[in-house]
Amino acid sequence: MTPKHRILEESHIIQAGTCISGTLQKGQRFRIVDVEGGQVGDFVAQKYGDPTEYLDCAYTNWANIGWRWKEGATIFTNHMNRMWVITEDKTGVHFTGGGFCSNDARRLFIDPEDNTKGCRDCLEEVLAKDDIDPHLLQSTSCFNVFMNVEYLPDGSWLGKPPITQAGDYIELRAEMDIYWALSACLLPSANSGDPSPLRVETYTRRSAT
């Protein structure tokens, strides 16, 4: 449901194994919605017009003194500029260690003969389509939305199914003009075993007239 003080500008469904990209102006709000529940998205963002400045998980974890980002937290760029503020988060469970699934990873962990594209491959293609050098895509720029990873006392970690239910979302407010891209992850082990769609929504504040 659209809040009364906002206008829903755009809404797009992203099928598992595909990517989408777009732009936002400072002050707009952006939702990533888990349509059916149990689905992960690999999310990247860049300063509009400057792909060398990007969402950086490592610097954001440093600035927030923790890897679990909460409502009200700021997400920073690699130049420590404010890029996003998390305005709403229905689960608060995401992976902020960076890194994408990829065909390389599938060949290592699933099947040496696997030719399926991963999120990195898909995102590189969408960046190239938007005339952005895909070699500028950085592992630390990947915010694994809804991905559930448990850190264990012995220093290892355990990948677990996402806890999202149908309709759960995270909402971000743009703190600068932004180019963004999102993939709906096809890797079964990162999701709940059956990859499913995500939806993105863009909101603008309604004028006070």
N, C-alpha and C. Protein backbone atom coordinates (compact mmCIF):
# COMPACT_ATOMS: atom_id res chain seq x y z
N MET A 1 0.85 -1.20 0.00
CA MET A 1 0.00 0.00 0.00
C MET A 1 0.88 1.24 0.00
N THR A 2 0.57 2.20 -0.87
CA THR A 2 1.35 3.42 -0.96
C THR A 2 0.98 4.38 0.17
N PRO A 3 1.95 4.86 0.96
CA PRO A 3 1.64 5.85 1.99
C PRO A 3 1.03 7.10 1.37
N LYS A 4 0.14 7.77 2.11
CA LYS A 4 -0.61 8.89 1.57
C LYS A 4 0.29 10.05 1.17
N HIS A 5 1.45 10.19 1.83
CA HIS A 5 2.31 11.33 1.53
C HIS A 5 3.30 11.03 0.40
N ARG A 6 3.14 9.88 -0.28
CA ARG A 6 4.07 9.53 -1.35
C ARG A 6 3.34 9.15 -2.63
N ILE A 7 4.05 9.29 -3.74
CA ILE A 7 3.56 8.85 -5.04
C ILE A 7 4.42 7.68 -5.50
N LEU A 8 3.78 6.58 -5.88
CA LEU A 8 4.50 5.45 -6.44
C LEU A 8 4.84 5.79 -7.89
N GLU A 9 6.13 5.98 -8.16
CA GLU A 9 6.56 6.37 -9.50
C GLU A 9 6.76 5.17 -10.42
N GLU A 10 7.37 4.11 -9.90
CA GLU A 10 7.67 2.94 -10.72
C GLU A 10 7.55 1.67 -9.89
N SER A 11 7.20 0.57 -10.56
CA SER A 11 7.17 -0.74 -9.92
C SER A 11 7.51 -1.77 -10.99
N HIS A 12 8.49 -2.61 -10.69
CA HIS A 12 8.95 -3.61 -11.66
C HIS A 12 9.16 -4.95 -10.97
N ILE A 13 8.79 -6.01 -11.64
CA ILE A 13 9.06 -7.37 -11.18
C ILE A 13 10.35 -7.85 -11.81
N ILE A 14 11.20 -8.51 -11.01
CA ILE A 14 12.45 -9.08 -11.49
C ILE A 14 12.38 -10.58 -11.30
N GLN A 15 12.35 -11.32 -12.38
CA GLN A 15 12.31 -12.77 -12.29
C GLN A 15 13.67 -13.31 -11.85
N ALA A 16 13.66 -14.46 -11.18
CA ALA A 16 14.91 -15.07 -10.73
C ALA A 16 15.84 -15.29 -11.92
N GLY A 17 17.10 -14.94 -11.74
CA GLY A 17 18.09 -15.10 -12.79
C GLY A 17 18.20 -13.92 -13.73
N THR A 18 17.46 -12.84 -13.44
CA THR A 18 17.52 -11.64 -14.28
C THR A 18 17.90 -10.42 -13.44
N CYS A 19 18.21 -9.32 -14.14
CA CYS A 19 18.64 -8.09 -13.49
C CYS A 19 17.82 -6.92 -14.00
N ILE A 20 17.86 -5.84 -13.25
CA ILE A 20 17.22 -4.60 -13.64
C ILE A 20 18.08 -3.45 -13.12
N SER A 21 17.98 -2.30 -13.75
CA SER A 21 18.73 -1.13 -13.30
C SER A 21 17.86 0.11 -13.43
N GLY A 22 18.30 1.19 -12.80
CA GLY A 22 17.56 2.43 -12.88
C GLY A 22 18.30 3.56 -12.20
N THR A 23 17.67 4.70 -12.09
CA THR A 23 18.26 5.86 -11.44
C THR A 23 17.28 6.45 -10.44
N LEU A 24 17.83 7.14 -9.46
CA LEU A 24 17.03 7.81 -8.43
C LEU A 24 17.60 9.20 -8.19
N GLN A 25 16.72 10.12 -7.85
CA GLN A 25 17.17 11.43 -7.42
C GLN A 25 17.24 11.47 -5.90
N LYS A 26 18.10 12.33 -5.39
CA LYS A 26 18.23 12.49 -3.94
C LYS A 26 16.85 12.75 -3.33
N GLY A 27 16.55 12.03 -2.26
CA GLY A 27 15.28 12.19 -1.55
C GLY A 27 14.24 11.16 -1.93
N GLN A 28 14.38 10.52 -3.08
CA GLN A 28 13.43 9.48 -3.44
C GLN A 28 13.65 8.24 -2.56
N ARG A 29 12.59 7.45 -2.44
CA ARG A 29 12.67 6.22 -1.65
C ARG A 29 12.53 5.01 -2.57
N PHE A 30 13.21 3.96 -2.18
CA PHE A 30 13.36 2.78 -3.05
C PHE A 30 13.12 1.54 -2.21
N ARG A 31 12.18 0.70 -2.64
CA ARG A 31 11.89 -0.54 -1.93
C ARG A 31 12.30 -1.74 -2.76
N ILE A 32 12.87 -2.72 -2.08
CA ILE A 32 13.09 -4.04 -2.65
C ILE A 32 12.16 -4.98 -1.90
N VAL A 33 11.24 -5.60 -2.63
CA VAL A 33 10.18 -6.40 -2.04
C VAL A 33 10.38 -7.87 -2.41
N ASP A 34 10.32 -8.73 -1.41
CA ASP A 34 10.36 -10.17 -1.67
C ASP A 34 8.94 -10.64 -1.95
N VAL A 35 8.65 -10.93 -3.19
CA VAL A 35 7.28 -11.17 -3.64
C VAL A 35 6.69 -12.42 -2.99
N GLU A 36 7.43 -13.53 -3.02
CA GLU A 36 6.91 -14.79 -2.50
C GLU A 36 7.54 -15.21 -1.18
N GLY A 37 8.64 -14.58 -0.80
CA GLY A 37 9.37 -14.95 0.40
C GLY A 37 10.53 -15.87 0.08
N GLY A 38 11.60 -15.75 0.90
CA GLY A 38 12.73 -16.66 0.77
C GLY A 38 13.65 -16.40 -0.41
N GLN A 39 13.70 -15.16 -0.90
CA GLN A 39 14.50 -14.84 -2.09
C GLN A 39 15.55 -13.79 -1.77
N VAL A 40 16.75 -13.96 -2.35
CA VAL A 40 17.87 -13.05 -2.15
C VAL A 40 18.08 -12.21 -3.39
N GLY A 41 18.51 -10.95 -3.19
CA GLY A 41 18.90 -10.09 -4.31
C GLY A 41 20.29 -9.54 -4.11
N ASP A 42 21.08 -9.47 -5.18
CA ASP A 42 22.39 -8.82 -5.14
C ASP A 42 22.21 -7.40 -5.66
N PHE A 43 22.48 -6.43 -4.78
CA PHE A 43 22.15 -5.02 -5.03
C PHE A 43 23.42 -4.19 -5.04
N VAL A 44 23.56 -3.37 -6.09
CA VAL A 44 24.70 -2.45 -6.17
C VAL A 44 24.19 -1.06 -6.50
N ALA A 45 24.98 -0.05 -6.17
CA ALA A 45 24.60 1.33 -6.46
C ALA A 45 25.87 2.15 -6.66
N GLN A 46 25.74 3.16 -7.52
CA GLN A 46 26.84 4.07 -7.81
C GLN A 46 26.33 5.50 -7.76
N LYS A 47 27.24 6.41 -7.47
CA LYS A 47 26.89 7.83 -7.59
C LYS A 47 26.55 8.11 -9.04
N TYR A 48 25.42 8.73 -9.29
CA TYR A 48 25.00 8.98 -10.66
C TYR A 48 26.05 9.83 -11.39
N GLY A 49 26.50 9.33 -12.53
CA GLY A 49 27.49 10.04 -13.32
C GLY A 49 28.92 9.75 -12.95
N ASP A 50 29.14 8.99 -11.86
CA ASP A 50 30.51 8.66 -11.44
C ASP A 50 30.55 7.23 -10.92
N PRO A 51 30.75 6.24 -11.80
CA PRO A 51 30.74 4.85 -11.37
C PRO A 51 31.93 4.45 -10.52
N THR A 52 32.91 5.34 -10.37
CA THR A 52 34.04 5.03 -9.48
C THR A 52 33.69 5.27 -8.01
N GLU A 53 32.54 5.88 -7.74
CA GLU A 53 32.06 6.02 -6.36
C GLU A 53 30.82 5.15 -6.20
N TYR A 54 30.90 4.19 -5.28
CA TYR A 54 29.87 3.15 -5.22
C TYR A 54 29.58 2.76 -3.78
N LEU A 55 28.42 2.16 -3.59
CA LEU A 55 28.07 1.56 -2.30
C LEU A 55 29.20 0.65 -1.87
N ASP A 56 29.65 0.80 -0.64
CA ASP A 56 30.77 -0.01 -0.16
C ASP A 56 30.41 -0.65 1.18
N CYS A 57 30.28 -1.98 1.16
CA CYS A 57 29.90 -2.70 2.38
C CYS A 57 30.97 -2.60 3.46
N ALA A 58 32.23 -2.69 3.06
CA ALA A 58 33.31 -2.68 4.05
C ALA A 58 33.35 -1.35 4.80
N TYR A 59 33.28 -0.25 4.07
CA TYR A 59 33.31 1.06 4.72
C TYR A 59 32.04 1.32 5.52
N THR A 60 30.91 0.81 5.03
CA THR A 60 29.67 0.98 5.79
C THR A 60 29.72 0.21 7.10
N ASN A 61 30.23 -1.02 7.06
CA ASN A 61 30.38 -1.78 8.31
C ASN A 61 31.31 -1.05 9.28
N TRP A 62 32.36 -0.48 8.77
CA TRP A 62 33.30 0.27 9.60
C TRP A 62 32.60 1.48 10.23
N ALA A 63 31.88 2.24 9.40
CA ALA A 63 31.22 3.45 9.90
C ALA A 63 30.14 3.13 10.92
N ASN A 64 29.44 2.00 10.73
CA ASN A 64 28.34 1.63 11.63
C ASN A 64 28.80 0.74 12.78
N ILE A 65 30.08 0.43 12.82
CA ILE A 65 30.68 -0.41 13.88
C ILE A 65 29.90 -1.71 14.01
N GLY A 66 29.63 -2.33 12.87
CA GLY A 66 28.90 -3.60 12.90
C GLY A 66 28.46 -3.99 11.51
N TRP A 67 28.22 -5.28 11.33
CA TRP A 67 27.86 -5.79 10.00
C TRP A 67 26.35 -5.92 9.82
N ARG A 68 25.57 -5.79 10.88
CA ARG A 68 24.12 -5.89 10.74
C ARG A 68 23.53 -4.49 10.69
N TRP A 69 23.07 -4.11 9.51
CA TRP A 69 22.53 -2.77 9.31
C TRP A 69 21.07 -2.74 9.75
N LYS A 70 20.71 -1.69 10.49
CA LYS A 70 19.37 -1.59 11.07
C LYS A 70 18.64 -0.38 10.51
N GLU A 71 17.34 -0.31 10.79
CA GLU A 71 16.57 0.87 10.39
C GLU A 71 17.24 2.12 10.97
N GLY A 72 17.37 3.13 10.13
CA GLY A 72 18.02 4.37 10.54
C GLY A 72 19.50 4.41 10.22
N ALA A 73 20.09 3.27 9.86
CA ALA A 73 21.51 3.22 9.55
C ALA A 73 21.78 3.89 8.20
N THR A 74 22.97 4.46 8.08
CA THR A 74 23.42 5.06 6.83
C THR A 74 24.30 4.07 6.09
N ILE A 75 24.11 3.98 4.79
CA ILE A 75 24.97 3.20 3.92
C ILE A 75 25.90 4.17 3.19
N PHE A 76 27.20 3.90 3.24
CA PHE A 76 28.21 4.82 2.73
C PHE A 76 28.83 4.32 1.43
N THR A 77 29.46 5.26 0.72
CA THR A 77 30.23 4.91 -0.48
C THR A 77 31.68 4.63 -0.10
N ASN A 78 32.45 4.24 -1.11
CA ASN A 78 33.89 4.02 -0.91
C ASN A 78 34.63 5.30 -0.60
N HIS A 79 34.00 6.46 -0.79
CA HIS A 79 34.59 7.74 -0.39
C HIS A 79 33.98 8.26 0.90
N MET A 80 33.26 7.38 1.61
CA MET A 80 32.66 7.69 2.91
C MET A 80 31.63 8.80 2.83
N ASN A 81 30.98 8.92 1.69
CA ASN A 81 29.85 9.83 1.54
C ASN A 81 28.55 9.07 1.80
N ARG A 82 27.56 9.76 2.32
CA ARG A 82 26.26 9.16 2.61
C ARG A 82 25.53 8.86 1.30
N MET A 83 25.17 7.59 1.11
CA MET A 83 24.48 7.20 -0.12
C MET A 83 23.02 6.87 0.13
N TRP A 84 22.74 6.11 1.17
CA TRP A 84 21.38 5.68 1.51
C TRP A 84 21.17 5.80 3.01
N VAL A 85 19.91 5.91 3.41
CA VAL A 85 19.48 5.69 4.79
C VAL A 85 18.40 4.62 4.75
N ILE A 86 18.52 3.61 5.62
CA ILE A 86 17.50 2.57 5.70
C ILE A 86 16.32 3.13 6.49
N THR A 87 15.20 3.35 5.81
CA THR A 87 14.02 3.95 6.46
C THR A 87 13.07 2.90 7.02
N GLU A 88 12.99 1.74 6.38
CA GLU A 88 12.18 0.63 6.87
C GLU A 88 12.86 -0.67 6.51
N ASP A 89 12.71 -1.67 7.38
CA ASP A 89 13.30 -2.99 7.11
C ASP A 89 12.49 -4.02 7.88
N LYS A 90 11.75 -4.84 7.17
CA LYS A 90 10.83 -5.77 7.80
C LYS A 90 11.52 -6.97 8.43
N THR A 91 12.76 -7.27 8.07
CA THR A 91 13.45 -8.42 8.66
C THR A 91 14.75 -8.04 9.36
N GLY A 92 15.49 -7.09 8.82
CA GLY A 92 16.78 -6.72 9.39
C GLY A 92 17.85 -7.78 9.20
N VAL A 93 17.62 -8.73 8.30
CA VAL A 93 18.59 -9.80 8.08
C VAL A 93 19.07 -9.75 6.63
N HIS A 94 20.33 -9.37 6.46
CA HIS A 94 20.97 -9.28 5.15
C HIS A 94 22.44 -9.64 5.34
N PHE A 95 23.13 -9.93 4.23
CA PHE A 95 24.57 -10.19 4.30
C PHE A 95 25.30 -8.97 3.77
N THR A 96 26.23 -8.44 4.55
CA THR A 96 26.92 -7.21 4.20
C THR A 96 28.42 -7.41 4.04
N GLY A 97 28.80 -8.66 3.75
CA GLY A 97 30.22 -8.95 3.57
C GLY A 97 30.69 -8.77 2.14
N GLY A 98 29.77 -8.44 1.22
CA GLY A 98 30.14 -8.25 -0.17
C GLY A 98 30.26 -9.57 -0.91
N GLY A 99 30.43 -9.49 -2.21
CA GLY A 99 30.62 -10.66 -3.05
C GLY A 99 29.35 -11.10 -3.75
N PHE A 100 29.51 -11.60 -4.97
CA PHE A 100 28.39 -12.04 -5.81
C PHE A 100 28.51 -13.53 -6.08
N CYS A 101 27.39 -14.20 -6.29
CA CYS A 101 27.46 -15.49 -6.96
C CYS A 101 27.83 -15.21 -8.42
N SER A 102 28.40 -16.19 -9.10
CA SER A 102 28.87 -16.01 -10.46
C SER A 102 28.97 -17.36 -11.14
N ASN A 103 29.18 -17.35 -12.44
CA ASN A 103 29.40 -18.62 -13.12
C ASN A 103 30.67 -19.29 -12.60
N ASP A 104 31.69 -18.47 -12.28
CA ASP A 104 32.91 -19.04 -11.70
C ASP A 104 32.60 -19.80 -10.42
N ALA A 105 31.77 -19.19 -9.56
CA ALA A 105 31.42 -19.84 -8.29
C ALA A 105 30.60 -21.10 -8.53
N ARG A 106 29.68 -21.05 -9.48
CA ARG A 106 28.87 -22.24 -9.78
C ARG A 106 29.75 -23.39 -10.27
N ARG A 107 30.75 -23.08 -11.09
CA ARG A 107 31.65 -24.12 -11.59
C ARG A 107 32.48 -24.72 -10.45
N LEU A 108 32.82 -23.90 -9.45
CA LEU A 108 33.60 -24.39 -8.32
C LEU A 108 32.74 -25.20 -7.36
N PHE A 109 31.56 -24.70 -7.03
CA PHE A 109 30.77 -25.30 -5.95
C PHE A 109 29.67 -26.26 -6.42
N ILE A 110 29.26 -26.15 -7.69
CA ILE A 110 28.13 -26.97 -8.16
C ILE A 110 28.57 -27.99 -9.21
N ASP A 111 29.11 -27.49 -10.32
CA ASP A 111 29.44 -28.39 -11.44
C ASP A 111 30.47 -27.70 -12.33
N PRO A 112 31.63 -28.32 -12.55
CA PRO A 112 32.66 -27.70 -13.41
C PRO A 112 32.18 -27.42 -14.83
N GLU A 113 31.09 -28.09 -15.25
CA GLU A 113 30.56 -27.88 -16.60
C GLU A 113 29.36 -26.93 -16.62
N ASP A 114 29.04 -26.34 -15.49
CA ASP A 114 27.87 -25.45 -15.39
C ASP A 114 28.10 -24.18 -16.21
N ASN A 115 27.16 -23.85 -17.07
CA ASN A 115 27.25 -22.64 -17.88
C ASN A 115 26.24 -21.57 -17.46
N THR A 116 25.59 -21.76 -16.31
CA THR A 116 24.58 -20.81 -15.85
C THR A 116 25.22 -19.52 -15.37
N LYS A 117 24.64 -18.40 -15.74
CA LYS A 117 25.14 -17.11 -15.28
C LYS A 117 24.78 -16.89 -13.81
N GLY A 118 25.67 -16.23 -13.10
CA GLY A 118 25.38 -15.83 -11.73
C GLY A 118 25.06 -14.35 -11.68
N CYS A 119 24.87 -13.84 -10.47
CA CYS A 119 24.49 -12.44 -10.31
C CYS A 119 25.56 -11.50 -10.84
N ARG A 120 26.84 -11.82 -10.61
CA ARG A 120 27.90 -10.93 -11.10
C ARG A 120 27.85 -10.82 -12.62
N ASP A 121 27.68 -11.96 -13.30
CA ASP A 121 27.64 -11.96 -14.76
C ASP A 121 26.44 -11.14 -15.26
N CYS A 122 25.30 -11.33 -14.61
CA CYS A 122 24.09 -10.61 -15.00
C CYS A 122 24.25 -9.11 -14.78
N LEU A 123 24.83 -8.72 -13.64
CA LEU A 123 25.00 -7.30 -13.34
C LEU A 123 26.03 -6.66 -14.27
N GLU A 124 27.09 -7.39 -14.61
CA GLU A 124 28.06 -6.86 -15.57
C GLU A 124 27.40 -6.58 -16.91
N GLU A 125 26.50 -7.46 -17.32
CA GLU A 125 25.79 -7.26 -18.59
C GLU A 125 24.89 -6.03 -18.55
N VAL A 126 24.19 -5.84 -17.43
CA VAL A 126 23.28 -4.69 -17.37
C VAL A 126 24.06 -3.39 -17.28
N LEU A 127 25.22 -3.40 -16.59
CA LEU A 127 26.05 -2.20 -16.58
C LEU A 127 26.55 -1.87 -17.99
N ALA A 128 27.01 -2.88 -18.71
CA ALA A 128 27.49 -2.65 -20.07
C ALA A 128 26.37 -2.09 -20.95
N LYS A 129 25.15 -2.62 -20.78
CA LYS A 129 24.00 -2.12 -21.54
C LYS A 129 23.75 -0.64 -21.25
N ASP A 130 24.06 -0.22 -20.02
CA ASP A 130 23.86 1.17 -19.62
C ASP A 130 25.11 2.03 -19.84
N ASP A 131 26.04 1.50 -20.64
CA ASP A 131 27.27 2.23 -21.01
C ASP A 131 28.16 2.54 -19.81
N ILE A 132 28.16 1.61 -18.83
CA ILE A 132 29.06 1.70 -17.69
C ILE A 132 30.05 0.55 -17.78
N ASP A 133 31.31 0.83 -17.60
CA ASP A 133 32.35 -0.19 -17.71
C ASP A 133 32.10 -1.29 -16.68
N PRO A 134 31.80 -2.52 -17.11
CA PRO A 134 31.52 -3.59 -16.14
C PRO A 134 32.71 -3.97 -15.28
N HIS A 135 33.92 -3.60 -15.72
CA HIS A 135 35.10 -3.89 -14.90
C HIS A 135 35.14 -3.03 -13.64
N LEU A 136 34.29 -2.00 -13.57
CA LEU A 136 34.22 -1.17 -12.37
C LEU A 136 33.36 -1.80 -11.27
N LEU A 137 32.68 -2.92 -11.58
CA LEU A 137 31.87 -3.59 -10.56
C LEU A 137 32.78 -4.20 -9.50
N GLN A 138 32.58 -3.80 -8.25
CA GLN A 138 33.44 -4.21 -7.15
C GLN A 138 32.74 -5.20 -6.23
N SER A 139 33.47 -6.21 -5.76
CA SER A 139 32.87 -7.19 -4.85
C SER A 139 32.36 -6.55 -3.58
N THR A 140 33.07 -5.53 -3.08
CA THR A 140 32.64 -4.88 -1.84
C THR A 140 31.40 -4.01 -2.03
N SER A 141 30.98 -3.82 -3.29
CA SER A 141 29.79 -3.00 -3.54
C SER A 141 28.50 -3.81 -3.45
N CYS A 142 28.60 -5.14 -3.31
CA CYS A 142 27.41 -5.99 -3.34
C CYS A 142 26.76 -6.07 -1.96
N PHE A 143 25.55 -5.56 -1.88
CA PHE A 143 24.71 -5.68 -0.68
C PHE A 143 23.76 -6.83 -0.95
N ASN A 144 23.97 -7.96 -0.23
CA ASN A 144 23.16 -9.17 -0.46
C ASN A 144 21.86 -9.06 0.34
N VAL A 145 20.87 -8.46 -0.28
CA VAL A 145 19.60 -8.17 0.39
C VAL A 145 18.86 -9.47 0.69
N PHE A 146 18.41 -9.61 1.92
CA PHE A 146 17.64 -10.74 2.45
C PHE A 146 18.47 -12.02 2.64
N MET A 147 19.76 -11.98 2.34
CA MET A 147 20.60 -13.18 2.52
C MET A 147 20.86 -13.39 4.01
N ASN A 148 20.73 -14.63 4.46
CA ASN A 148 20.80 -14.97 5.88
C ASN A 148 22.07 -15.79 6.15
N VAL A 149 23.03 -15.18 6.81
CA VAL A 149 24.29 -15.84 7.15
C VAL A 149 24.51 -15.74 8.65
N GLU A 150 24.78 -16.87 9.27
CA GLU A 150 25.07 -16.90 10.71
C GLU A 150 26.57 -17.02 10.92
N TYR A 151 27.13 -16.08 11.68
CA TYR A 151 28.55 -16.13 12.02
C TYR A 151 28.72 -16.97 13.28
N LEU A 152 29.60 -17.96 13.23
CA LEU A 152 29.78 -18.91 14.33
C LEU A 152 31.01 -18.57 15.17
N PRO A 153 31.02 -18.97 16.45
CA PRO A 153 32.13 -18.61 17.34
C PRO A 153 33.49 -19.09 16.88
N ASP A 154 33.53 -20.18 16.10
CA ASP A 154 34.83 -20.71 15.67
C ASP A 154 35.39 -19.98 14.46
N GLY A 155 34.71 -18.91 14.03
CA GLY A 155 35.20 -18.12 12.90
C GLY A 155 34.61 -18.52 11.57
N SER A 156 33.85 -19.60 11.53
CA SER A 156 33.19 -20.01 10.28
C SER A 156 31.83 -19.34 10.18
N TRP A 157 31.15 -19.55 9.05
CA TRP A 157 29.79 -19.06 8.93
C TRP A 157 28.91 -20.13 8.33
N LEU A 158 27.61 -19.94 8.50
CA LEU A 158 26.63 -20.91 8.05
C LEU A 158 25.57 -20.20 7.23
N GLY A 159 25.43 -20.57 5.97
CA GLY A 159 24.37 -20.01 5.14
C GLY A 159 23.04 -20.67 5.47
N LYS A 160 22.04 -19.85 5.72
CA LYS A 160 20.72 -20.35 6.10
C LYS A 160 19.67 -19.76 5.17
N PRO A 161 18.49 -20.37 5.07
CA PRO A 161 17.45 -19.82 4.21
C PRO A 161 17.03 -18.42 4.68
N PRO A 162 16.68 -17.54 3.75
CA PRO A 162 16.17 -16.22 4.15
C PRO A 162 14.94 -16.36 5.04
N ILE A 163 14.76 -15.39 5.92
CA ILE A 163 13.60 -15.44 6.82
C ILE A 163 12.43 -14.63 6.29
N THR A 164 12.59 -14.02 5.12
CA THR A 164 11.53 -13.17 4.58
C THR A 164 10.28 -13.97 4.25
N GLN A 165 9.15 -13.34 4.51
CA GLN A 165 7.85 -13.84 4.11
C GLN A 165 7.36 -13.02 2.90
N ALA A 166 6.36 -13.52 2.22
CA ALA A 166 5.83 -12.82 1.05
C ALA A 166 5.45 -11.38 1.41
N GLY A 167 5.97 -10.43 0.66
CA GLY A 167 5.65 -9.02 0.87
C GLY A 167 6.62 -8.27 1.76
N ASP A 168 7.55 -8.97 2.43
CA ASP A 168 8.55 -8.27 3.24
C ASP A 168 9.43 -7.41 2.34
N TYR A 169 9.94 -6.30 2.90
CA TYR A 169 10.74 -5.40 2.09
C TYR A 169 11.75 -4.64 2.93
N ILE A 170 12.72 -4.07 2.23
CA ILE A 170 13.61 -3.07 2.80
C ILE A 170 13.41 -1.80 1.99
N GLU A 171 13.34 -0.65 2.70
CA GLU A 171 13.16 0.63 2.02
C GLU A 171 14.36 1.52 2.32
N LEU A 172 14.87 2.16 1.27
CA LEU A 172 16.03 3.04 1.36
C LEU A 172 15.69 4.42 0.85
N ARG A 173 16.26 5.45 1.49
CA ARG A 173 16.12 6.82 1.01
C ARG A 173 17.44 7.26 0.39
N ALA A 174 17.38 7.74 -0.84
CA ALA A 174 18.59 8.17 -1.54
C ALA A 174 19.12 9.47 -0.94
N GLU A 175 20.40 9.46 -0.59
CA GLU A 175 21.05 10.64 -0.04
C GLU A 175 21.87 11.39 -1.09
N MET A 176 21.85 10.89 -2.31
CA MET A 176 22.49 11.54 -3.45
C MET A 176 21.78 11.01 -4.70
N ASP A 177 22.07 11.58 -5.85
CA ASP A 177 21.56 11.01 -7.09
C ASP A 177 22.28 9.70 -7.36
N ILE A 178 21.54 8.66 -7.73
CA ILE A 178 22.08 7.31 -7.72
C ILE A 178 21.71 6.55 -8.99
N TYR A 179 22.66 5.76 -9.45
CA TYR A 179 22.40 4.68 -10.41
C TYR A 179 22.43 3.38 -9.62
N TRP A 180 21.45 2.51 -9.83
CA TRP A 180 21.39 1.26 -9.08
C TRP A 180 21.14 0.09 -10.04
N ALA A 181 21.50 -1.11 -9.57
CA ALA A 181 21.20 -2.33 -10.32
C ALA A 181 20.95 -3.45 -9.31
N LEU A 182 20.05 -4.36 -9.69
CA LEU A 182 19.65 -5.44 -8.78
C LEU A 182 19.44 -6.72 -9.58
N SER A 183 19.94 -7.83 -9.04
CA SER A 183 19.67 -9.15 -9.61
C SER A 183 18.84 -9.95 -8.62
N ALA A 184 17.98 -10.81 -9.15
CA ALA A 184 17.26 -11.78 -8.33
C ALA A 184 18.05 -13.08 -8.41
N CYS A 185 18.68 -13.46 -7.32
CA CYS A 185 19.67 -14.53 -7.32
C CYS A 185 19.04 -15.87 -7.71
N LEU A 186 19.79 -16.59 -8.57
CA LEU A 186 19.32 -17.88 -9.07
C LEU A 186 19.92 -19.05 -8.29
N LEU A 187 20.84 -18.76 -7.37
CA LEU A 187 21.54 -19.83 -6.65
C LEU A 187 20.62 -20.44 -5.60
N PRO A 188 20.21 -21.71 -5.75
CA PRO A 188 19.25 -22.29 -4.80
C PRO A 188 19.72 -22.26 -3.35
N SER A 189 21.03 -22.49 -3.13
CA SER A 189 21.53 -22.56 -1.75
C SER A 189 21.46 -21.22 -1.03
N ALA A 190 21.41 -20.10 -1.76
CA ALA A 190 21.31 -18.79 -1.13
C ALA A 190 19.87 -18.41 -0.84
N ASN A 191 18.94 -19.08 -1.50
CA ASN A 191 17.53 -18.78 -1.33
C ASN A 191 16.87 -19.88 -0.49
N SER A 192 15.61 -20.11 -0.70
CA SER A 192 14.93 -21.17 0.04
C SER A 192 14.75 -22.43 -0.80
N GLY A 193 15.67 -22.61 -1.76
CA GLY A 193 15.66 -23.81 -2.60
C GLY A 193 14.95 -23.63 -3.92
N ASP A 194 14.07 -22.64 -4.02
CA ASP A 194 13.29 -22.44 -5.24
C ASP A 194 13.29 -20.94 -5.55
N PRO A 195 14.27 -20.46 -6.33
CA PRO A 195 14.37 -19.03 -6.61
C PRO A 195 13.08 -18.45 -7.17
N SER A 196 12.75 -17.22 -6.74
CA SER A 196 11.47 -16.60 -7.06
C SER A 196 11.68 -15.10 -7.32
N PRO A 197 10.65 -14.37 -7.72
CA PRO A 197 10.83 -12.97 -8.13
C PRO A 197 11.04 -12.00 -6.96
N LEU A 198 11.60 -10.87 -7.30
CA LEU A 198 11.64 -9.68 -6.44
C LEU A 198 10.87 -8.57 -7.16
N ARG A 199 10.50 -7.54 -6.40
CA ARG A 199 9.87 -6.36 -6.99
C ARG A 199 10.59 -5.13 -6.47
N VAL A 200 10.77 -4.14 -7.33
CA VAL A 200 11.33 -2.87 -6.89
C VAL A 200 10.26 -1.79 -7.07
N GLU A 201 10.25 -0.85 -6.13
CA GLU A 201 9.29 0.26 -6.16
C GLU A 201 10.02 1.56 -5.86
N THR A 202 9.70 2.59 -6.61
CA THR A 202 10.29 3.91 -6.42
C THR A 202 9.21 4.90 -6.02
N TYR A 203 9.47 5.65 -4.96
CA TYR A 203 8.49 6.60 -4.43
C TYR A 203 9.07 8.01 -4.41
N THR A 204 8.19 8.99 -4.64
CA THR A 204 8.52 10.39 -4.53
C THR A 204 7.55 11.05 -3.58
N ARG A 205 8.05 11.97 -2.77
CA ARG A 205 7.18 12.66 -1.81
C ARG A 205 6.14 13.49 -2.55
N ARG A 206 4.91 13.39 -2.10
CA ARG A 206 3.81 14.16 -2.70
C ARG A 206 3.95 15.62 -2.31
N SER A 207 3.75 16.51 -3.27
CA SER A 207 3.87 17.95 -2.98
C SER A 207 2.76 18.39 -2.04
N ALA A 208 3.07 19.36 -1.17
CA ALA A 208 2.12 19.83 -0.17
C ALA A 208 1.21 20.90 -0.78
N THR A 209 0.25 20.46 -1.61
CA THR A 209 -0.70 21.40 -2.23
C THR A 209 -2.10 20.94 -1.98
